[in-house]
Amino acid sequence: MKIVDTLDWNLLRSFVAIAEEGGITKAAERLGRGQPAVSSALKRLEETLGQQLAQRNATHFELTETGKLLYEESRAILTSIERLSTLLADPTAELSGTVRITMASQMTSPLLIEALRRFHQKFPKASFDIKVLNSHDIQHGLHQGQFYFAICPVSYKREELEYTHLFKEHCSFYCGAGHRLFGVEGLEFQDLANERAIIYRPSSFSDQLQSLTELRQKARFAEPFVGVSENLEEVRRMIIAGLGVGAIPTHVAARDEKDGLLWRLPPYEPVMPLDIYLVVNHKMRPAPSEAAFVKLLQELVDMTPYALRVYPAGEAAG
């Protein structure tokens, strides 16, 4: 008898929660079940498949290679199931359902804000579910069919995916109010040598931040680095706390700079360009709400001149 004939699909749902939450405890909270029940579900799934899916003890949890493969397939299956209620809805009814947006950290753009505003105004019964992942996981998830579309930097393009350029941003180096360089004017790039630095985890953006990495190396920051994160908000937090110097998209940092939380450091011209794309996997059948949002966002791009989609403004040649 085939596994598919005997497999309890609820076990896959529990397993996905365990994998995404990194253990039994948080998965139980997410599922609203007791820890013994969730632990039992994992054991039953392992017994059904005849494979160990995770290495675990009181202080450590890690998926095995088999577990990682099963998670990818299970997530794709559950995503398809989650879409069923929307796909089977009355086509004559007003558009509703959930638009699931997967994006990299701090994708800040007036274009995206306008897209959300217009979509909500046009389809008030629809809702949004926004998930933040690092760019590597986004690219992998798109390739595996875990979601229909995403918004992120792109290091290389796959033939099976569609790419729409949304905007280009530039980064600058900043320090916080407690840093010795805060408020110092007339600084030159070489003044950053041997400063403690906060960096992005290499897997966060991969080759997309090559220009940032090269400039960081030219600055000759002190090593080891004082902080590292894959999340822009956490990098920003450490910079504001005065731990060291770090890079933030210039238009994202503008408000903090105005409020006296950040101080911009050299080089002062726009550097470290980063292109942000809408990436769509047309091999997946989207929920009507998601297809409508993608269509609206692409139409907004078409009607917005490139120069207005480059930040800071006026750097279209960057």
Protein backbone atom coordinates (compact mmCIF):
# COMPACT_ATOMS: atom_id res chain seq x y z
CA MET A 1 0.00 0.00 0.00
CA LYS A 2 1.27 3.45 -0.90
CA ILE A 3 2.12 5.95 1.84
CA VAL A 4 -0.33 8.43 0.34
CA ASP A 5 -3.17 5.95 1.10
CA THR A 6 -2.38 5.78 4.82
CA LEU A 7 -0.82 9.16 5.59
CA ASP A 8 -2.70 11.41 8.00
CA TRP A 9 -2.49 14.84 6.40
CA ASN A 10 -2.84 16.52 9.81
CA LEU A 11 0.59 15.10 10.64
CA LEU A 12 2.07 17.11 7.76
CA ARG A 13 0.39 20.26 9.09
CA SER A 14 1.95 19.64 12.50
CA PHE A 15 5.33 18.89 10.94
CA VAL A 16 5.33 22.14 8.93
CA ALA A 17 4.59 24.09 12.11
CA ILE A 18 7.42 22.30 13.94
CA ALA A 19 9.86 22.98 11.10
CA GLU A 20 8.93 26.65 10.75
CA GLU A 21 8.90 27.33 14.50
CA GLY A 22 12.14 25.45 15.14
CA GLY A 23 10.83 23.04 17.75
CA ILE A 24 7.90 21.46 19.59
CA THR A 25 7.21 24.22 22.12
CA LYS A 26 6.58 27.10 19.71
CA ALA A 27 4.80 24.80 17.26
CA ALA A 28 2.37 23.77 20.00
CA GLU A 29 1.65 27.44 20.75
CA ARG A 30 1.06 28.14 17.06
CA LEU A 31 -1.25 25.16 16.64
CA GLY A 32 -3.08 25.73 19.92
CA ARG A 33 -2.28 22.19 21.08
CA GLY A 34 -0.38 20.64 23.96
CA GLN A 35 3.31 19.84 23.54
CA PRO A 36 2.79 16.07 24.09
CA ALA A 37 0.27 15.96 21.24
CA VAL A 38 2.60 17.80 18.84
CA SER A 39 5.57 15.64 19.86
CA SER A 40 3.43 12.54 19.31
CA ALA A 41 2.44 13.78 15.85
CA LEU A 42 6.11 14.07 14.87
CA LYS A 43 6.84 10.55 16.14
CA ARG A 44 3.83 9.13 14.28
CA LEU A 45 4.94 10.81 11.05
CA GLU A 46 8.46 9.39 11.44
CA GLU A 47 7.03 5.91 12.07
CA THR A 48 4.73 6.18 9.05
CA LEU A 49 7.58 7.21 6.77
CA GLY A 50 10.22 5.02 8.40
CA GLN A 51 12.61 8.00 8.50
CA GLN A 52 14.03 10.26 11.21
CA LEU A 53 12.91 13.79 10.39
CA ALA A 54 14.60 15.76 13.16
CA GLN A 55 17.43 15.49 15.65
CA ARG A 56 16.19 16.76 18.97
CA ASN A 57 16.93 16.87 22.67
CA ALA A 58 16.20 19.25 25.53
CA THR A 59 18.41 22.03 24.11
CA HIS A 60 18.71 21.33 20.38
CA PHE A 61 16.37 20.88 17.42
CA GLU A 62 17.45 20.46 13.81
CA LEU A 63 15.80 18.90 10.77
CA THR A 64 17.62 16.01 9.13
CA GLU A 65 18.25 16.15 5.39
CA THR A 66 15.15 13.98 4.92
CA GLY A 67 13.23 16.34 7.17
CA LYS A 68 14.29 19.34 5.11
CA LEU A 69 13.13 17.67 1.90
CA LEU A 70 9.81 16.69 3.46
CA TYR A 71 9.29 20.23 4.76
CA GLU A 72 9.71 21.74 1.29
CA GLU A 73 7.19 19.35 -0.24
CA SER A 74 4.78 19.62 2.69
CA ARG A 75 4.82 23.42 2.64
CA ALA A 76 4.00 23.39 -1.09
CA ILE A 77 1.13 20.93 -0.48
CA LEU A 78 -0.33 22.97 2.39
CA THR A 79 -0.03 26.19 0.39
CA SER A 80 -2.09 24.61 -2.38
CA ILE A 81 -4.69 23.38 0.12
CA GLU A 82 -4.89 26.81 1.74
CA ARG A 83 -5.76 28.29 -1.66
CA LEU A 84 -8.66 25.92 -2.28
CA SER A 85 -11.32 27.92 -0.45
CA THR A 86 -10.43 30.98 -2.52
CA LEU A 87 -10.15 29.13 -5.82
CA LEU A 88 -13.55 27.48 -5.31
CA ALA A 89 -15.30 30.69 -4.29
CA ASP A 90 -18.21 32.05 -6.32
CA PRO A 91 -16.56 33.88 -9.26
CA THR A 92 -19.47 36.36 -9.38
CA ALA A 93 -18.96 37.38 -5.74
CA GLU A 94 -16.90 40.39 -4.70
CA LEU A 95 -13.18 39.56 -4.57
CA SER A 96 -12.10 38.46 -1.10
CA GLY A 97 -9.57 35.99 0.28
CA THR A 98 -6.03 36.54 1.44
CA VAL A 99 -3.15 38.05 -0.51
CA ARG A 100 -0.02 36.30 0.77
CA ILE A 101 2.98 38.55 0.24
CA THR A 102 6.47 37.22 0.85
CA MET A 103 9.18 39.87 0.93
CA ALA A 104 12.67 40.63 2.13
CA SER A 105 13.22 42.77 5.20
CA GLN A 106 12.28 46.47 4.99
CA MET A 107 11.15 46.67 1.36
CA THR A 108 10.16 50.34 1.74
CA SER A 109 8.76 52.15 -1.28
CA PRO A 110 5.93 54.60 -2.00
CA LEU A 111 5.05 52.27 -4.89
CA LEU A 112 4.27 49.38 -2.53
CA ILE A 113 2.32 51.59 -0.15
CA GLU A 114 0.23 52.91 -3.04
CA ALA A 115 -0.40 49.36 -4.28
CA LEU A 116 -1.67 48.28 -0.86
CA ARG A 117 -3.85 51.39 -0.57
CA ARG A 118 -5.42 51.01 -4.02
CA PHE A 119 -6.02 47.29 -3.62
CA HIS A 120 -7.70 47.71 -0.24
CA GLN A 121 -9.82 50.53 -1.61
CA LYS A 122 -10.88 48.43 -4.59
CA PHE A 123 -11.31 45.11 -2.73
CA PRO A 124 -12.15 45.91 0.91
CA LYS A 125 -13.13 42.31 1.68
CA ALA A 126 -9.64 40.99 0.84
CA SER A 127 -6.94 40.73 3.49
CA PHE A 128 -3.15 40.61 3.54
CA ASP A 129 -0.73 38.14 5.11
CA ILE A 130 2.84 39.47 4.85
CA LYS A 131 5.79 37.21 5.64
CA VAL A 132 9.41 38.39 5.84
CA LEU A 133 12.22 36.04 4.80
CA ASN A 134 15.82 36.49 3.71
CA SER A 135 16.39 36.66 -0.04
CA HIS A 136 17.99 33.22 -0.28
CA ASP A 137 14.93 31.55 1.29
CA ILE A 138 12.61 33.59 -0.94
CA GLN A 139 14.38 32.50 -4.12
CA HIS A 140 14.36 28.89 -2.93
CA GLY A 141 10.68 29.07 -1.97
CA LEU A 142 9.69 30.50 -5.34
CA HIS A 143 11.61 27.77 -7.13
CA GLN A 144 9.93 25.11 -4.95
CA GLY A 145 6.45 26.56 -5.53
CA GLN A 146 5.90 27.54 -1.90
CA PHE A 147 4.36 30.88 -2.91
CA TYR A 148 3.07 32.55 -6.07
CA PHE A 149 5.00 35.80 -5.87
CA ALA A 150 7.51 37.68 -3.75
CA ILE A 151 9.24 41.05 -3.48
CA CYS A 152 13.00 40.97 -3.00
CA PRO A 153 16.48 41.78 -4.35
CA VAL A 154 17.62 39.39 -7.10
CA SER A 155 21.15 38.13 -7.72
CA TYR A 156 20.33 35.91 -10.70
CA LYS A 157 17.19 35.20 -12.71
CA ARG A 158 15.59 31.82 -13.33
CA GLU A 159 13.98 31.17 -16.69
CA GLU A 160 10.78 29.81 -15.14
CA LEU A 161 10.10 32.98 -13.12
CA GLU A 162 8.88 36.42 -14.25
CA TYR A 163 10.70 39.51 -12.97
CA THR A 164 9.32 43.04 -12.82
CA HIS A 165 11.70 45.76 -11.65
CA LEU A 166 9.98 47.71 -8.86
CA PHE A 167 12.58 50.16 -7.62
CA LYS A 168 16.26 50.83 -7.03
CA GLU A 169 17.56 51.95 -3.65
CA HIS A 170 20.98 53.14 -2.50
CA CYS A 171 22.60 52.60 0.89
CA SER A 172 24.73 54.83 3.08
CA PHE A 173 26.78 54.25 6.21
CA TYR A 174 25.34 55.59 9.48
CA CYS A 175 26.13 55.74 13.18
CA GLY A 176 23.88 56.31 16.20
CA ALA A 177 23.69 59.13 18.73
CA GLY A 178 26.03 57.39 21.18
CA HIS A 179 28.81 56.90 18.62
CA ARG A 180 31.95 59.04 18.65
CA LEU A 181 31.39 60.13 15.01
CA PHE A 182 27.81 61.27 15.58
CA GLY A 183 27.44 64.94 14.73
CA VAL A 184 30.96 65.25 13.33
CA GLU A 185 30.98 67.18 10.05
CA GLY A 186 33.54 67.16 7.26
CA LEU A 187 34.42 63.50 7.67
CA GLU A 188 36.16 61.66 4.84
CA PHE A 189 35.82 58.02 3.85
CA GLN A 190 39.18 57.09 5.35
CA ASP A 191 37.94 58.30 8.75
CA LEU A 192 35.85 55.12 8.95
CA ALA A 193 38.95 52.88 9.11
CA ASN A 194 39.08 50.63 12.18
CA GLU A 195 35.55 51.54 13.30
CA ARG A 196 33.46 48.71 14.76
CA ALA A 197 30.84 47.64 12.21
CA ILE A 198 27.43 46.00 12.02
CA ILE A 199 26.88 43.89 8.91
CA TYR A 200 24.22 41.84 7.18
CA ARG A 201 24.45 38.09 7.40
CA PRO A 202 25.92 36.90 4.07
CA SER A 203 22.94 34.64 3.32
CA SER A 204 20.53 37.56 3.65
CA PHE A 205 21.12 39.06 0.21
CA SER A 206 23.92 36.96 -1.29
CA ASP A 207 25.37 38.57 -4.41
CA GLN A 208 22.83 41.41 -4.40
CA LEU A 209 24.87 43.26 -1.78
CA GLN A 210 28.22 42.74 -3.50
CA SER A 211 28.64 46.51 -3.88
CA LEU A 212 28.04 46.97 -0.15
CA THR A 213 30.56 44.26 0.69
CA GLU A 214 33.18 45.80 -1.57
CA LEU A 215 32.71 49.26 -0.05
CA ARG A 216 32.80 47.80 3.46
CA GLN A 217 36.12 46.17 2.64
CA LYS A 218 37.49 49.45 1.29
CA ALA A 219 36.47 51.17 4.53
CA ARG A 220 38.69 48.72 6.45
CA PHE A 221 36.36 48.33 9.42
CA ALA A 222 37.70 46.64 12.54
CA GLU A 223 37.24 42.90 12.92
CA PRO A 224 35.53 40.98 14.40
CA PHE A 225 32.31 42.80 13.57
CA VAL A 226 30.34 43.99 16.57
CA GLY A 227 26.96 42.88 15.20
CA VAL A 228 25.38 40.81 12.46
CA SER A 229 21.78 40.21 11.37
CA GLU A 230 19.79 39.19 8.29
CA ASN A 231 17.08 41.69 9.24
CA LEU A 232 17.46 45.36 8.29
CA GLU A 233 15.39 46.47 11.29
CA GLU A 234 17.80 44.72 13.67
CA VAL A 235 20.83 46.24 11.92
CA ARG A 236 19.15 49.64 12.30
CA ARG A 237 18.46 48.95 16.00
CA MET A 238 22.13 48.14 16.72
CA ILE A 239 23.33 51.23 14.82
CA ILE A 240 20.92 53.52 16.71
CA ALA A 241 22.10 51.93 19.98
CA GLY A 242 25.61 53.16 19.17
CA LEU A 243 27.22 49.74 18.79
CA GLY A 244 28.98 50.68 15.57
CA VAL A 245 28.74 51.79 11.94
CA GLY A 246 26.44 50.10 9.43
CA ALA A 247 24.68 50.46 6.07
CA ILE A 248 20.99 51.32 5.70
CA PRO A 249 19.02 52.26 2.56
CA THR A 250 19.21 56.06 2.40
CA HIS A 251 15.47 56.64 1.97
CA VAL A 252 14.69 54.27 4.85
CA ALA A 253 17.10 56.10 7.18
CA ALA A 254 15.89 59.59 6.22
CA ARG A 255 13.29 59.83 9.01
CA ASP A 256 15.71 58.61 11.69
CA GLU A 257 18.32 61.06 10.44
CA LYS A 258 15.80 63.91 10.65
CA ASP A 259 14.80 62.82 14.17
CA GLY A 260 18.41 62.82 15.35
CA LEU A 261 18.69 59.06 15.77
CA LEU A 262 21.16 58.47 12.92
CA TRP A 263 24.09 60.42 11.48
CA ARG A 264 25.07 59.91 7.86
CA LEU A 265 28.71 59.07 7.22
CA PRO A 266 30.87 59.24 4.07
CA PRO A 267 30.81 58.59 1.20
CA TYR A 268 27.94 61.05 0.88
CA GLU A 269 27.07 60.38 -2.78
CA PRO A 270 24.57 57.55 -3.47
CA VAL A 271 26.42 54.23 -3.42
CA MET A 272 25.70 50.53 -2.92
CA PRO A 273 22.74 50.24 -5.36
CA LEU A 274 20.19 47.49 -4.76
CA ASP A 275 17.48 46.55 -7.31
CA ILE A 276 14.19 45.26 -5.95
CA TYR A 277 11.92 43.02 -8.05
CA LEU A 278 8.44 41.57 -8.07
CA VAL A 279 9.08 37.88 -8.83
CA VAL A 280 6.19 35.67 -10.00
CA ASN A 281 6.01 31.91 -10.41
CA HIS A 282 3.44 31.39 -13.19
CA LYS A 283 3.67 27.62 -12.84
CA MET A 284 1.54 28.00 -9.72
CA ARG A 285 -2.17 28.65 -9.97
CA PRO A 286 -2.72 31.80 -7.92
CA ALA A 287 -5.67 32.67 -5.76
CA PRO A 288 -7.78 35.34 -7.53
CA SER A 289 -6.86 37.89 -4.85
CA GLU A 290 -3.14 37.32 -5.40
CA ALA A 291 -3.44 37.46 -9.18
CA ALA A 292 -5.36 40.74 -8.86
CA PHE A 293 -2.74 42.26 -6.58
CA VAL A 294 0.14 41.31 -8.88
CA LYS A 295 -1.75 42.78 -11.86
CA LEU A 296 -2.38 46.02 -9.97
CA LEU A 297 1.26 46.32 -8.86
CA GLN A 298 2.54 45.72 -12.39
CA GLU A 299 0.16 48.36 -13.74
CA LEU A 300 1.46 50.84 -11.15
CA VAL A 301 5.02 50.14 -12.27
CA ASP A 302 4.06 50.74 -15.90
CA MET A 303 2.56 54.14 -15.12
CA THR A 304 5.38 55.29 -12.79
CA PRO A 305 8.48 56.69 -14.55
CA TYR A 306 11.75 54.93 -13.71
CA ALA A 307 13.23 58.13 -12.27
CA LEU A 308 10.48 58.15 -9.62
CA ARG A 309 11.32 54.57 -8.66
CA VAL A 310 14.95 55.32 -7.75
CA TYR A 311 15.76 56.28 -4.16
CA PRO A 312 16.98 58.76 -3.14
CA ALA A 313 15.14 60.79 -5.79
CA GLY A 314 17.13 62.10 -8.71
CA GLU A 315 19.65 59.25 -8.86
CA ALA A 316 18.21 57.40 -11.86
CA ALA A 317 21.63 57.02 -13.38
CA GLY A 318 22.88 55.17 -10.30
